[in-house]
């Protein structure tokens, strides 16, 4: 295993690009704000128009921070799943955790059409959607973890996770069939994903959830490295497979579930970023890959969000569409090259 100091230049480059991407992201939007006024506002200096400062601090910076958190969390959870299942096409949502969050949102938005009065409590807003999505992902996570303690074969766990996703998707389809057009449109809008609906308090809560997921991932680094050569090899090194699998699933559940709850289901970032990272960092050592995918994922999501918000335009494209447009060709390219796609 190579020392992290060996990759000092790539890490410095990624960090520099991340900072530049962050500033570019907050300087562009439907309201044209001069770059110098943007910088002055960030450093709490007087600006030409006080409204610009309000826009930057209450809309653009929270959205940019959300993009950083979402990109980092999805990329890291994708790396965890690809290593756990030793499958280059495994993503952060293979365990059905995202589907659980989607089911929670579907029950809140569309459930009143099928179960009159049962799910019609309260108002459907960003906070209530985050709560029910979190509950949905948490319940599916508990189910997956219960199965993980009984199943010895990791590939069987992967199939079971996919089945959980199929079951929840089927329930969402039933709800969609019976709901009215207005509710269906609201759910579809949520499924597009959004980075711009979070307040400062919600960004702080998302940060705490993802921080716990990252800490659990760091604890599992040695086990992840051992698993690269198979579970039997890991056992020979004294790794408790059941315990570490439980830890990795919990970390992925916090990362992917928390992100889906607050930002909606966002595709391809978790699948593509680990492979893109390996093109720069030619290593399998998770001491290198974990911080690298966190930086790379944040950069990619900031770039996607900058493209999605159509600078100088009032229109905002669905972030899910942008990540898919960028992520899908990357996966195709990697499959055609057939490099760094096999563990």
C-alpha atoms as a PDB file:
ATOM      1  CA  UNK A   1       0.000   0.000   0.000  1.00  0.00           C
ATOM      2  CA  UNK A   2       1.326   3.402  -0.968  1.00  0.00           C
ATOM      3  CA  UNK A   3       1.476   6.319   1.426  1.00  0.00           C
ATOM      4  CA  UNK A   4      -1.068   9.141   1.028  1.00  0.00           C
ATOM      5  CA  UNK A   5       1.936  11.478   0.628  1.00  0.00           C
ATOM      6  CA  UNK A   6       2.605   9.784  -2.725  1.00  0.00           C
ATOM      7  CA  UNK A   7      -0.605  11.359  -4.030  1.00  0.00           C
ATOM      8  CA  UNK A   8      -0.006  14.822  -2.621  1.00  0.00           C
ATOM      9  CA  UNK A   9      -0.187  16.469  -6.068  1.00  0.00           C
ATOM     10  CA  UNK A  10      -3.505  14.844  -7.154  1.00  0.00           C
ATOM     11  CA  UNK A  11      -5.084  15.628  -3.774  1.00  0.00           C
ATOM     12  CA  UNK A  12      -3.913  19.252  -3.988  1.00  0.00           C
ATOM     13  CA  UNK A  13      -5.280  19.499  -7.512  1.00  0.00           C
ATOM     14  CA  UNK A  14      -8.677  18.071  -6.493  1.00  0.00           C
ATOM     15  CA  UNK A  15      -8.906  20.399  -3.502  1.00  0.00           C
ATOM     16  CA  UNK A  16      -8.077  23.404  -5.707  1.00  0.00           C
ATOM     17  CA  UNK A  17     -10.691  22.396  -8.300  1.00  0.00           C
ATOM     18  CA  UNK A  18     -13.238  21.886  -5.507  1.00  0.00           C
ATOM     19  CA  UNK A  19     -12.695  25.422  -4.171  1.00  0.00           C
ATOM     20  CA  UNK A  20     -12.902  26.918  -7.665  1.00  0.00           C
ATOM     21  CA  UNK A  21     -16.040  24.901  -8.459  1.00  0.00           C
ATOM     22  CA  UNK A  22     -17.644  26.124  -5.238  1.00  0.00           C
ATOM     23  CA  UNK A  23     -16.989  29.789  -6.044  1.00  0.00           C
ATOM     24  CA  UNK A  24     -18.152  29.380  -9.649  1.00  0.00           C
ATOM     25  CA  UNK A  25     -21.331  27.670  -8.448  1.00  0.00           C
ATOM     26  CA  UNK A  26     -22.331  30.454  -6.042  1.00  0.00           C
ATOM     27  CA  UNK A  27     -21.414  33.212  -8.500  1.00  0.00           C
ATOM     28  CA  UNK A  28     -23.814  31.957 -11.200  1.00  0.00           C
ATOM     29  CA  UNK A  29     -27.602  31.880 -11.149  1.00  0.00           C
ATOM     30  CA  UNK A  30     -30.803  33.495 -12.361  1.00  0.00           C
ATOM     31  CA  UNK A  31     -29.718  36.818 -10.813  1.00  0.00           C
ATOM     32  CA  UNK A  32     -26.504  38.204 -12.287  1.00  0.00           C
ATOM     33  CA  UNK A  33     -24.154  39.158  -9.440  1.00  0.00           C
ATOM     34  CA  UNK A  34     -20.664  40.530 -10.193  1.00  0.00           C
ATOM     35  CA  UNK A  35     -17.829  38.246  -9.079  1.00  0.00           C
ATOM     36  CA  UNK A  36     -16.263  40.894  -6.849  1.00  0.00           C
ATOM     37  CA  UNK A  37     -19.577  41.470  -5.052  1.00  0.00           C
ATOM     38  CA  UNK A  38     -19.907  37.722  -4.578  1.00  0.00           C
ATOM     39  CA  UNK A  39     -16.478  37.555  -2.949  1.00  0.00           C
ATOM     40  CA  UNK A  40     -17.209  40.625  -0.801  1.00  0.00           C
ATOM     41  CA  UNK A  41     -20.461  39.072   0.382  1.00  0.00           C
ATOM     42  CA  UNK A  42     -18.717  35.834   1.349  1.00  0.00           C
ATOM     43  CA  UNK A  43     -16.195  37.728   3.465  1.00  0.00           C
ATOM     44  CA  UNK A  44     -18.916  39.960   4.995  1.00  0.00           C
ATOM     45  CA  UNK A  45     -17.764  43.133   3.265  1.00  0.00           C
ATOM     46  CA  UNK A  46     -20.186  45.814   1.986  1.00  0.00           C
ATOM     47  CA  UNK A  47     -21.658  45.072  -1.449  1.00  0.00           C
ATOM     48  CA  UNK A  48     -23.291  47.262  -4.068  1.00  0.00           C
ATOM     49  CA  UNK A  49     -26.735  45.723  -3.516  1.00  0.00           C
ATOM     50  CA  UNK A  50     -27.731  44.224  -0.148  1.00  0.00           C
ATOM     51  CA  UNK A  51     -30.225  41.937  -1.907  1.00  0.00           C
ATOM     52  CA  UNK A  52     -27.278  40.183  -3.548  1.00  0.00           C
ATOM     53  CA  UNK A  53     -25.817  39.344  -0.156  1.00  0.00           C
ATOM     54  CA  UNK A  54     -29.165  37.908   0.954  1.00  0.00           C
ATOM     55  CA  UNK A  55     -29.393  35.741  -2.174  1.00  0.00           C
ATOM     56  CA  UNK A  56     -25.865  34.430  -1.742  1.00  0.00           C
ATOM     57  CA  UNK A  57     -26.142  33.595   1.967  1.00  0.00           C
ATOM     58  CA  UNK A  58     -29.701  32.243   2.005  1.00  0.00           C
ATOM     59  CA  UNK A  59     -29.910  30.477  -1.343  1.00  0.00           C
ATOM     60  CA  UNK A  60     -26.652  29.943  -3.170  1.00  0.00           C
ATOM     61  CA  UNK A  61     -24.266  28.979  -0.370  1.00  0.00           C
ATOM     62  CA  UNK A  62     -26.693  26.476   1.241  1.00  0.00           C
ATOM     63  CA  UNK A  63     -27.305  24.969  -2.210  1.00  0.00           C
ATOM     64  CA  UNK A  64     -23.585  24.729  -2.952  1.00  0.00           C
ATOM     65  CA  UNK A  65     -22.912  23.144   0.454  1.00  0.00           C
ATOM     66  CA  UNK A  66     -25.739  20.680  -0.205  1.00  0.00           C
ATOM     67  CA  UNK A  67     -24.113  19.791  -3.526  1.00  0.00           C
ATOM     68  CA  UNK A  68     -20.799  19.144  -1.748  1.00  0.00           C
ATOM     69  CA  UNK A  69     -22.448  16.936   0.876  1.00  0.00           C
ATOM     70  CA  UNK A  70     -24.606  15.037  -1.620  1.00  0.00           C
ATOM     71  CA  UNK A  71     -21.764  14.410  -4.077  1.00  0.00           C
ATOM     72  CA  UNK A  72     -19.354  13.321  -1.341  1.00  0.00           C
ATOM     73  CA  UNK A  73     -21.870  11.044   0.369  1.00  0.00           C
ATOM     74  CA  UNK A  74     -23.072   9.327  -2.792  1.00  0.00           C
ATOM     75  CA  UNK A  75     -19.530   8.790  -4.077  1.00  0.00           C
ATOM     76  CA  UNK A  76     -18.371   7.279  -0.778  1.00  0.00           C
ATOM     77  CA  UNK A  77     -21.418   5.029  -0.440  1.00  0.00           C
ATOM     78  CA  UNK A  78     -20.846   3.830  -4.012  1.00  0.00           C
ATOM     79  CA  UNK A  79     -17.246   2.935  -3.181  1.00  0.00           C
ATOM     80  CA  UNK A  80     -18.384   1.005  -0.089  1.00  0.00           C
ATOM     81  CA  UNK A  81     -20.916  -1.026  -2.068  1.00  0.00           C
ATOM     82  CA  UNK A  82     -18.524  -1.806  -4.916  1.00  0.00           C
ATOM     83  CA  UNK A  83     -15.944  -3.101  -2.457  1.00  0.00           C
ATOM     84  CA  UNK A  84     -18.409  -5.011  -0.273  1.00  0.00           C
ATOM     85  CA  UNK A  85     -19.946  -6.863  -3.220  1.00  0.00           C
ATOM     86  CA  UNK A  86     -16.752  -6.837  -5.300  1.00  0.00           C
ATOM     87  CA  UNK A  87     -18.956  -5.686  -8.148  1.00  0.00           C
ATOM     88  CA  UNK A  88     -17.894  -2.693 -10.267  1.00  0.00           C
ATOM     89  CA  UNK A  89     -21.517  -1.927 -11.166  1.00  0.00           C
ATOM     90  CA  UNK A  90     -22.817  -1.822  -7.592  1.00  0.00           C
ATOM     91  CA  UNK A  91     -24.081   1.580  -6.512  1.00  0.00           C
ATOM     92  CA  UNK A  92     -25.238   3.195  -3.269  1.00  0.00           C
ATOM     93  CA  UNK A  93     -28.858   2.204  -3.890  1.00  0.00           C
ATOM     94  CA  UNK A  94     -28.487  -1.552  -4.510  1.00  0.00           C
ATOM     95  CA  UNK A  95     -29.744  -2.360  -1.006  1.00  0.00           C
ATOM     96  CA  UNK A  96     -33.133  -0.753  -1.631  1.00  0.00           C
ATOM     97  CA  UNK A  97     -32.471   2.069   0.849  1.00  0.00           C
ATOM     98  CA  UNK A  98     -33.249   4.764  -1.705  1.00  0.00           C
ATOM     99  CA  UNK A  99     -36.414   2.898  -2.682  1.00  0.00           C
ATOM    100  CA  UNK A 100     -37.473   2.945   0.960  1.00  0.00           C
ATOM    101  CA  UNK A 101     -37.064   6.721   1.027  1.00  0.00           C
ATOM    102  CA  UNK A 102     -39.043   6.987  -2.212  1.00  0.00           C
ATOM    103  CA  UNK A 103     -41.813   4.841  -0.723  1.00  0.00           C
ATOM    104  CA  UNK A 104     -42.034   7.135   2.300  1.00  0.00           C
ATOM    105  CA  UNK A 105     -42.340  10.167   0.043  1.00  0.00           C
ATOM    106  CA  UNK A 106     -44.907   8.389  -2.152  1.00  0.00           C
ATOM    107  CA  UNK A 107     -47.057   7.484   0.866  1.00  0.00           C
ATOM    108  CA  UNK A 108     -47.064  11.077   2.057  1.00  0.00           C
ATOM    109  CA  UNK A 109     -47.738  12.650  -1.338  1.00  0.00           C
ATOM    110  CA  UNK A 110     -49.977  10.064  -3.021  1.00  0.00           C
ATOM    111  CA  UNK A 111     -51.206   7.882  -0.135  1.00  0.00           C
ATOM    112  CA  UNK A 112     -54.283   9.997   0.553  1.00  0.00           C
ATOM    113  CA  UNK A 113     -55.659   9.046  -2.872  1.00  0.00           C
ATOM    114  CA  UNK A 114     -55.590   5.333  -2.004  1.00  0.00           C
ATOM    115  CA  UNK A 115     -56.031   5.405   1.775  1.00  0.00           C
ATOM    116  CA  UNK A 116     -58.491   8.239   2.342  1.00  0.00           C
ATOM    117  CA  UNK A 117     -57.625  10.132   5.492  1.00  0.00           C
ATOM    118  CA  UNK A 118     -54.905   7.753   6.645  1.00  0.00           C
ATOM    119  CA  UNK A 119     -51.967   9.628   5.112  1.00  0.00           C
ATOM    120  CA  UNK A 120     -53.593  13.024   4.750  1.00  0.00           C
ATOM    121  CA  UNK A 121     -52.158  14.374   8.023  1.00  0.00           C
ATOM    122  CA  UNK A 122     -50.323  17.689   7.940  1.00  0.00           C
ATOM    123  CA  UNK A 123     -48.978  19.499   4.966  1.00  0.00           C
ATOM    124  CA  UNK A 124     -46.685  18.108   2.297  1.00  0.00           C
ATOM    125  CA  UNK A 125     -43.578  20.269   2.521  1.00  0.00           C
ATOM    126  CA  UNK A 126     -39.811  19.864   2.453  1.00  0.00           C
ATOM    127  CA  UNK A 127     -39.612  19.063   6.186  1.00  0.00           C
ATOM    128  CA  UNK A 128     -42.376  16.456   6.185  1.00  0.00           C
ATOM    129  CA  UNK A 129     -40.949  14.860   3.033  1.00  0.00           C
ATOM    130  CA  UNK A 130     -37.509  14.625   4.642  1.00  0.00           C
ATOM    131  CA  UNK A 131     -39.003  13.035   7.768  1.00  0.00           C
ATOM    132  CA  UNK A 132     -41.090  10.367   6.026  1.00  0.00           C
ATOM    133  CA  UNK A 133     -38.295   9.635   3.522  1.00  0.00           C
ATOM    134  CA  UNK A 134     -35.866   9.155   6.410  1.00  0.00           C
ATOM    135  CA  UNK A 135     -38.317   6.795   8.127  1.00  0.00           C
ATOM    136  CA  UNK A 136     -38.764   4.802   4.915  1.00  0.00           C
ATOM    137  CA  UNK A 137     -35.038   4.430   4.284  1.00  0.00           C
ATOM    138  CA  UNK A 138     -34.425   3.582   7.963  1.00  0.00           C
ATOM    139  CA  UNK A 139     -37.040   0.812   7.962  1.00  0.00           C
ATOM    140  CA  UNK A 140     -35.580  -0.738   4.809  1.00  0.00           C
ATOM    141  CA  UNK A 141     -32.101  -0.395   6.314  1.00  0.00           C
ATOM    142  CA  UNK A 142     -33.245  -2.276   9.424  1.00  0.00           C
ATOM    143  CA  UNK A 143     -34.696  -5.030   7.243  1.00  0.00           C
ATOM    144  CA  UNK A 144     -31.495  -5.327   5.212  1.00  0.00           C
ATOM    145  CA  UNK A 145     -29.351  -5.393   8.345  1.00  0.00           C
ATOM    146  CA  UNK A 146     -31.558  -8.097   9.858  1.00  0.00           C
ATOM    147  CA  UNK A 147     -31.089 -10.175   6.721  1.00  0.00           C
ATOM    148  CA  UNK A 148     -27.349  -9.443   6.682  1.00  0.00           C
ATOM    149  CA  UNK A 149     -26.978 -11.055  10.109  1.00  0.00           C
ATOM    150  CA  UNK A 150     -28.524 -14.289   8.765  1.00  0.00           C
ATOM    151  CA  UNK A 151     -27.057 -14.510   5.254  1.00  0.00           C
ATOM    152  CA  UNK A 152     -23.460 -15.632   4.869  1.00  0.00           C
ATOM    153  CA  UNK A 153     -23.188 -15.100   1.102  1.00  0.00           C
ATOM    154  CA  UNK A 154     -22.605 -11.442   0.177  1.00  0.00           C
ATOM    155  CA  UNK A 155     -23.986 -11.925  -3.337  1.00  0.00           C
ATOM    156  CA  UNK A 156     -27.202 -13.308  -1.858  1.00  0.00           C
ATOM    157  CA  UNK A 157     -27.443 -10.118   0.199  1.00  0.00           C
ATOM    158  CA  UNK A 158     -27.066  -8.089  -3.004  1.00  0.00           C
ATOM    159  CA  UNK A 159     -29.969  -9.966  -4.615  1.00  0.00           C
ATOM    160  CA  UNK A 160     -32.100  -9.550  -1.479  1.00  0.00           C
ATOM    161  CA  UNK A 161     -31.384  -5.812  -1.511  1.00  0.00           C
ATOM    162  CA  UNK A 162     -32.503  -5.606  -5.126  1.00  0.00           C
ATOM    163  CA  UNK A 163     -35.689  -7.482  -4.205  1.00  0.00           C
ATOM    164  CA  UNK A 164     -36.412  -4.974  -1.443  1.00  0.00           C
ATOM    165  CA  UNK A 165     -36.060  -2.260  -4.062  1.00  0.00           C
ATOM    166  CA  UNK A 166     -38.447  -4.103  -6.400  1.00  0.00           C
ATOM    167  CA  UNK A 167     -41.071  -4.497  -3.673  1.00  0.00           C
ATOM    168  CA  UNK A 168     -41.031  -0.821  -2.723  1.00  0.00           C
ATOM    169  CA  UNK A 169     -41.047   0.198  -6.402  1.00  0.00           C
ATOM    170  CA  UNK A 170     -44.123  -1.985  -6.927  1.00  0.00           C
ATOM    171  CA  UNK A 171     -45.953  -0.281  -4.049  1.00  0.00           C
ATOM    172  CA  UNK A 172     -45.046   3.133  -5.489  1.00  0.00           C
ATOM    173  CA  UNK A 173     -46.430   1.997  -8.873  1.00  0.00           C
ATOM    174  CA  UNK A 174     -49.737   1.011  -7.246  1.00  0.00           C
ATOM    175  CA  UNK A 175     -49.942   4.381  -5.504  1.00  0.00           C
ATOM    176  CA  UNK A 176     -49.150   6.144  -8.790  1.00  0.00           C
ATOM    177  CA  UNK A 177     -51.912   4.242 -10.569  1.00  0.00           C
ATOM    178  CA  UNK A 178     -54.616   5.314  -8.122  1.00  0.00           C
ATOM    179  CA  UNK A 179     -53.507   8.868  -7.377  1.00  0.00           C
ATOM    180  CA  UNK A 180     -54.709  11.990  -9.145  1.00  0.00           C
ATOM    181  CA  UNK A 181     -52.666  13.921 -11.685  1.00  0.00           C
ATOM    182  CA  UNK A 182     -51.730  16.723  -9.284  1.00  0.00           C
ATOM    183  CA  UNK A 183     -50.310  14.365  -6.634  1.00  0.00           C
ATOM    184  CA  UNK A 184     -48.534  12.289  -9.262  1.00  0.00           C
ATOM    185  CA  UNK A 185     -46.900  15.386 -10.706  1.00  0.00           C
ATOM    186  CA  UNK A 186     -45.768  16.424  -7.214  1.00  0.00           C
ATOM    187  CA  UNK A 187     -44.163  13.032  -6.614  1.00  0.00           C
ATOM    188  CA  UNK A 188     -42.470  13.057 -10.013  1.00  0.00           C
ATOM    189  CA  UNK A 189     -41.083  16.507  -9.259  1.00  0.00           C
ATOM    190  CA  UNK A 190     -39.637  15.164  -5.974  1.00  0.00           C
ATOM    191  CA  UNK A 191     -38.095  12.210  -7.819  1.00  0.00           C
ATOM    192  CA  UNK A 192     -36.176  14.615 -10.068  1.00  0.00           C
ATOM    193  CA  UNK A 193     -33.987  15.514  -7.098  1.00  0.00           C
ATOM    194  CA  UNK A 194     -33.223  19.003  -5.854  1.00  0.00           C
ATOM    195  CA  UNK A 195     -30.328  20.679  -4.072  1.00  0.00           C
ATOM    196  CA  UNK A 196     -31.893  24.089  -3.536  1.00  0.00           C
ATOM    197  CA  UNK A 197     -34.690  23.400  -1.050  1.00  0.00           C
ATOM    198  CA  UNK A 198     -32.657  23.069   2.151  1.00  0.00           C
ATOM    199  CA  UNK A 199     -32.447  25.685   4.885  1.00  0.00           C
ATOM    200  CA  UNK A 200     -29.312  26.210   6.966  1.00  0.00           C
ATOM    201  CA  UNK A 201     -30.700  24.000   9.742  1.00  0.00           C
ATOM    202  CA  UNK A 202     -31.457  21.185   7.273  1.00  0.00           C
ATOM    203  CA  UNK A 203     -27.985  21.480   5.768  1.00  0.00           C
ATOM    204  CA  UNK A 204     -26.566  21.182   9.294  1.00  0.00           C
ATOM    205  CA  UNK A 205     -28.659  18.070  10.019  1.00  0.00           C
ATOM    206  CA  UNK A 206     -27.621  16.471   6.727  1.00  0.00           C
ATOM    207  CA  UNK A 207     -23.981  17.227   7.573  1.00  0.00           C
ATOM    208  CA  UNK A 208     -24.293  15.456  10.931  1.00  0.00           C
ATOM    209  CA  UNK A 209     -25.870  12.366   9.351  1.00  0.00           C
ATOM    210  CA  UNK A 210     -23.215  12.170   6.639  1.00  0.00           C
ATOM    211  CA  UNK A 211     -20.402  12.837   9.129  1.00  0.00           C
ATOM    212  CA  UNK A 212     -21.440   9.743  11.075  1.00  0.00           C
ATOM    213  CA  UNK A 213     -21.494   7.743   7.831  1.00  0.00           C
ATOM    214  CA  UNK A 214     -18.016   8.979   6.904  1.00  0.00           C
ATOM    215  CA  UNK A 215     -16.634   8.127  10.364  1.00  0.00           C
ATOM    216  CA  UNK A 216     -18.026   4.587  10.093  1.00  0.00           C
ATOM    217  CA  UNK A 217     -16.432   4.302   6.644  1.00  0.00           C
ATOM    218  CA  UNK A 218     -13.056   5.366   8.042  1.00  0.00           C
ATOM    219  CA  UNK A 219     -13.344   2.747  10.798  1.00  0.00           C
ATOM    220  CA  UNK A 220     -13.972   0.098   8.110  1.00  0.00           C
ATOM    221  CA  UNK A 221     -10.996   1.022   5.877  1.00  0.00           C
ATOM    222  CA  UNK A 222      -8.750  -1.886   6.926  1.00  0.00           C
ATOM    223  CA  UNK A 223     -11.606  -4.353   6.492  1.00  0.00           C
ATOM    224  CA  UNK A 224     -12.422  -2.906   3.058  1.00  0.00           C
ATOM    225  CA  UNK A 225      -8.820  -3.431   1.951  1.00  0.00           C
ATOM    226  CA  UNK A 226      -8.915  -7.017   3.206  1.00  0.00           C
ATOM    227  CA  UNK A 227     -12.205  -7.708   1.385  1.00  0.00           C
ATOM    228  CA  UNK A 228     -10.686  -6.797  -1.977  1.00  0.00           C
ATOM    229  CA  UNK A 229      -9.181 -10.288  -2.220  1.00  0.00           C
ATOM    230  CA  UNK A 230     -12.335 -12.052  -1.092  1.00  0.00           C
ATOM    231  CA  UNK A 231     -14.094 -12.900   2.154  1.00  0.00           C
ATOM    232  CA  UNK A 232     -11.987 -16.017   2.787  1.00  0.00           C
ATOM    233  CA  UNK A 233      -8.792 -13.954   2.623  1.00  0.00           C
ATOM    234  CA  UNK A 234     -10.345 -11.349   4.926  1.00  0.00           C
ATOM    235  CA  UNK A 235     -11.281 -14.064   7.432  1.00  0.00           C
ATOM    236  CA  UNK A 236      -7.722 -15.368   7.360  1.00  0.00           C
ATOM    237  CA  UNK A 237      -6.615 -11.897   8.480  1.00  0.00           C
ATOM    238  CA  UNK A 238      -9.009 -12.038  11.408  1.00  0.00           C
ATOM    239  CA  UNK A 239     -11.749  -9.841   9.952  1.00  0.00           C
ATOM    240  CA  UNK A 240     -15.203 -10.501  11.399  1.00  0.00           C
ATOM    241  CA  UNK A 241     -17.128 -10.513   8.099  1.00  0.00           C
ATOM    242  CA  UNK A 242     -20.617 -10.334   9.620  1.00  0.00           C
ATOM    243  CA  UNK A 243     -19.683  -7.466  11.925  1.00  0.00           C
ATOM    244  CA  UNK A 244     -17.849  -5.457   9.254  1.00  0.00           C
ATOM    245  CA  UNK A 245     -20.576  -6.093   6.688  1.00  0.00           C
ATOM    246  CA  UNK A 246     -23.068  -4.730   9.227  1.00  0.00           C
ATOM    247  CA  UNK A 247     -20.855  -1.650   9.725  1.00  0.00           C
ATOM    248  CA  UNK A 248     -20.507  -0.996   5.980  1.00  0.00           C
ATOM    249  CA  UNK A 249     -24.239  -1.404   5.377  1.00  0.00           C
ATOM    250  CA  UNK A 250     -25.002   0.991   8.245  1.00  0.00           C
ATOM    251  CA  UNK A 251     -22.584   3.575   6.831  1.00  0.00           C
ATOM    252  CA  UNK A 252     -24.108   3.235   3.359  1.00  0.00           C
ATOM    253  CA  UNK A 253     -27.604   3.480   4.775  1.00  0.00           C
ATOM    254  CA  UNK A 254     -26.811   6.723   6.587  1.00  0.00           C
ATOM    255  CA  UNK A 255     -25.117   8.221   3.524  1.00  0.00           C
ATOM    256  CA  UNK A 256     -27.548   7.147   0.790  1.00  0.00           C
ATOM    257  CA  UNK A 257     -30.683   7.277   2.950  1.00  0.00           C
ATOM    258  CA  UNK A 258     -29.926  10.707   4.393  1.00  0.00           C
ATOM    259  CA  UNK A 259     -29.174  12.154   0.968  1.00  0.00           C
ATOM    260  CA  UNK A 260     -32.313  10.698  -0.624  1.00  0.00           C
ATOM    261  CA  UNK A 261     -34.433  12.007   2.243  1.00  0.00           C
ATOM    262  CA  UNK A 262     -33.180  15.578   1.895  1.00  0.00           C
ATOM    263  CA  UNK A 263     -32.338  15.860  -1.816  1.00  0.00           C
ATOM    264  CA  UNK A 264     -34.338  13.094  -3.478  1.00  0.00           C
ATOM    265  CA  UNK A 265     -32.983  10.134  -5.462  1.00  0.00           C
ATOM    266  CA  UNK A 266     -29.919  11.204  -7.454  1.00  0.00           C
ATOM    267  CA  UNK A 267     -28.527   8.677  -9.907  1.00  0.00           C
ATOM    268  CA  UNK A 268     -25.113   7.668 -11.268  1.00  0.00           C
ATOM    269  CA  UNK A 269     -22.876   9.759  -8.994  1.00  0.00           C
ATOM    270  CA  UNK A 270     -22.219   6.877  -6.612  1.00  0.00           C
ATOM    271  CA  UNK A 271     -21.730   4.489  -9.502  1.00  0.00           C
ATOM    272  CA  UNK A 272     -19.441   6.606 -11.664  1.00  0.00           C
ATOM    273  CA  UNK A 273     -17.242   8.564  -9.236  1.00  0.00           C
ATOM    274  CA  UNK A 274     -15.319   5.586  -7.727  1.00  0.00           C
ATOM    275  CA  UNK A 275     -14.293   4.513 -11.231  1.00  0.00           C
ATOM    276  CA  UNK A 276     -13.370   8.049 -12.284  1.00  0.00           C
ATOM    277  CA  UNK A 277     -11.301   8.380  -9.114  1.00  0.00           C
ATOM    278  CA  UNK A 278      -9.350   5.213  -9.918  1.00  0.00           C
ATOM    279  CA  UNK A 279      -8.327   6.796 -13.237  1.00  0.00           C
ATOM    280  CA  UNK A 280      -6.409   9.448 -11.258  1.00  0.00           C
ATOM    281  CA  UNK A 281      -5.395   7.402  -8.214  1.00  0.00           C
ATOM    282  CA  UNK A 282      -4.038   4.126  -9.550  1.00  0.00           C
ATOM    283  CA  UNK A 283      -4.530   2.269  -6.287  1.00  0.00           C
ATOM    284  CA  UNK A 284      -6.948  -0.023  -4.454  1.00  0.00           C
ATOM    285  CA  UNK A 285      -5.974   1.262  -1.005  1.00  0.00           C
ATOM    286  CA  UNK A 286      -9.057   2.712   0.677  1.00  0.00           C
ATOM    287  CA  UNK A 287      -6.866   5.037   2.740  1.00  0.00           C
ATOM    288  CA  UNK A 288      -6.383   6.853  -0.552  1.00  0.00           C
ATOM    289  CA  UNK A 289      -9.710   6.134  -2.235  1.00  0.00           C
ATOM    290  CA  UNK A 290     -12.008   7.233   0.614  1.00  0.00           C
ATOM    291  CA  UNK A 291     -10.819  10.881   0.776  1.00  0.00           C
ATOM    292  CA  UNK A 292     -10.344  10.937  -2.998  1.00  0.00           C
ATOM    293  CA  UNK A 293     -13.921   9.921  -3.850  1.00  0.00           C
ATOM    294  CA  UNK A 294     -15.224  12.405  -1.277  1.00  0.00           C
ATOM    295  CA  UNK A 295     -13.421  15.252  -3.077  1.00  0.00           C
ATOM    296  CA  UNK A 296     -14.208  13.985  -6.576  1.00  0.00           C
ATOM    297  CA  UNK A 297     -17.896  13.454  -5.765  1.00  0.00           C
ATOM    298  CA  UNK A 298     -18.223  16.980  -4.377  1.00  0.00           C
ATOM    299  CA  UNK A 299     -16.611  18.446  -7.514  1.00  0.00           C
ATOM    300  CA  UNK A 300     -18.818  16.454  -9.883  1.00  0.00           C
ATOM    301  CA  UNK A 301     -22.014  17.440  -8.081  1.00  0.00           C
ATOM    302  CA  UNK A 302     -21.034  21.123  -8.036  1.00  0.00           C
ATOM    303  CA  UNK A 303     -20.361  20.976 -11.775  1.00  0.00           C
ATOM    304  CA  UNK A 304     -23.676  19.205 -12.417  1.00  0.00           C
ATOM    305  CA  UNK A 305     -25.547  21.760 -10.303  1.00  0.00           C
ATOM    306  CA  UNK A 306     -23.862  24.641 -12.131  1.00  0.00           C
ATOM    307  CA  UNK A 307     -25.003  23.154 -15.452  1.00  0.00           C
ATOM    308  CA  UNK A 308     -28.502  22.411 -14.112  1.00  0.00           C
ATOM    309  CA  UNK A 309     -29.218  25.944 -12.917  1.00  0.00           C
ATOM    310  CA  UNK A 310     -28.675  27.398 -16.401  1.00  0.00           C
ATOM    311  CA  UNK A 311     -26.677  30.512 -15.461  1.00  0.00           C
ATOM    312  CA  UNK A 312     -28.480  33.838 -16.130  1.00  0.00           C
ATOM    313  CA  UNK A 313     -31.711  31.883 -16.686  1.00  0.00           C
ATOM    314  CA  UNK A 314     -34.676  31.498 -14.316  1.00  0.00           C
ATOM    315  CA  UNK A 315     -35.060  27.852 -15.348  1.00  0.00           C
ATOM    316  CA  UNK A 316     -33.462  25.024 -13.353  1.00  0.00           C
ATOM    317  CA  UNK A 317     -33.058  21.596 -14.943  1.00  0.00           C
ATOM    318  CA  UNK A 318     -33.643  18.465 -12.807  1.00  0.00           C
ATOM    319  CA  UNK A 319     -30.328  17.563 -11.162  1.00  0.00           C
ATOM    320  CA  UNK A 320     -31.094  13.877 -11.716  1.00  0.00           C
ATOM    321  CA  UNK A 321     -31.194  14.432 -15.460  1.00  0.00           C
ATOM    322  CA  UNK A 322     -27.804  16.154 -15.486  1.00  0.00           C
ATOM    323  CA  UNK A 323     -26.079  13.476 -13.367  1.00  0.00           C
ATOM    324  CA  UNK A 324     -27.517  10.761 -15.606  1.00  0.00           C
ATOM    325  CA  UNK A 325     -26.442  12.532 -18.797  1.00  0.00           C
ATOM    326  CA  UNK A 326     -22.899  12.773 -17.433  1.00  0.00           C
ATOM    327  CA  UNK A 327     -22.767   9.482 -15.511  1.00  0.00           C
ATOM    328  CA  UNK A 328     -24.211   7.066 -18.058  1.00  0.00           C
ATOM    329  CA  UNK A 329     -21.653   7.815 -20.820  1.00  0.00           C
ATOM    330  CA  UNK A 330     -18.865   7.472 -18.237  1.00  0.00           C
ATOM    331  CA  UNK A 331     -20.011   3.983 -17.297  1.00  0.00           C
ATOM    332  CA  UNK A 332     -20.318   3.011 -20.978  1.00  0.00           C
ATOM    333  CA  UNK A 333     -16.830   4.363 -21.648  1.00  0.00           C
ATOM    334  CA  UNK A 334     -15.358   2.429 -18.734  1.00  0.00           C
ATOM    335  CA  UNK A 335     -17.088  -0.776 -19.799  1.00  0.00           C
ATOM    336  CA  UNK A 336     -15.773  -0.391 -23.354  1.00  0.00           C
ATOM    337  CA  UNK A 337     -12.242   0.197 -22.055  1.00  0.00           C
ATOM    338  CA  UNK A 338     -12.597  -2.657 -19.552  1.00  0.00           C
ATOM    339  CA  UNK A 339     -10.012  -1.139 -17.295  1.00  0.00           C
ATOM    340  CA  UNK A 340     -10.309  -0.840 -13.524  1.00  0.00           C
ATOM    341  CA  UNK A 341     -13.763  -2.391 -13.694  1.00  0.00           C
ATOM    342  CA  UNK A 342     -12.869  -5.746 -12.158  1.00  0.00           C
ATOM    343  CA  UNK A 343     -11.807  -6.271  -8.568  1.00  0.00           C
END
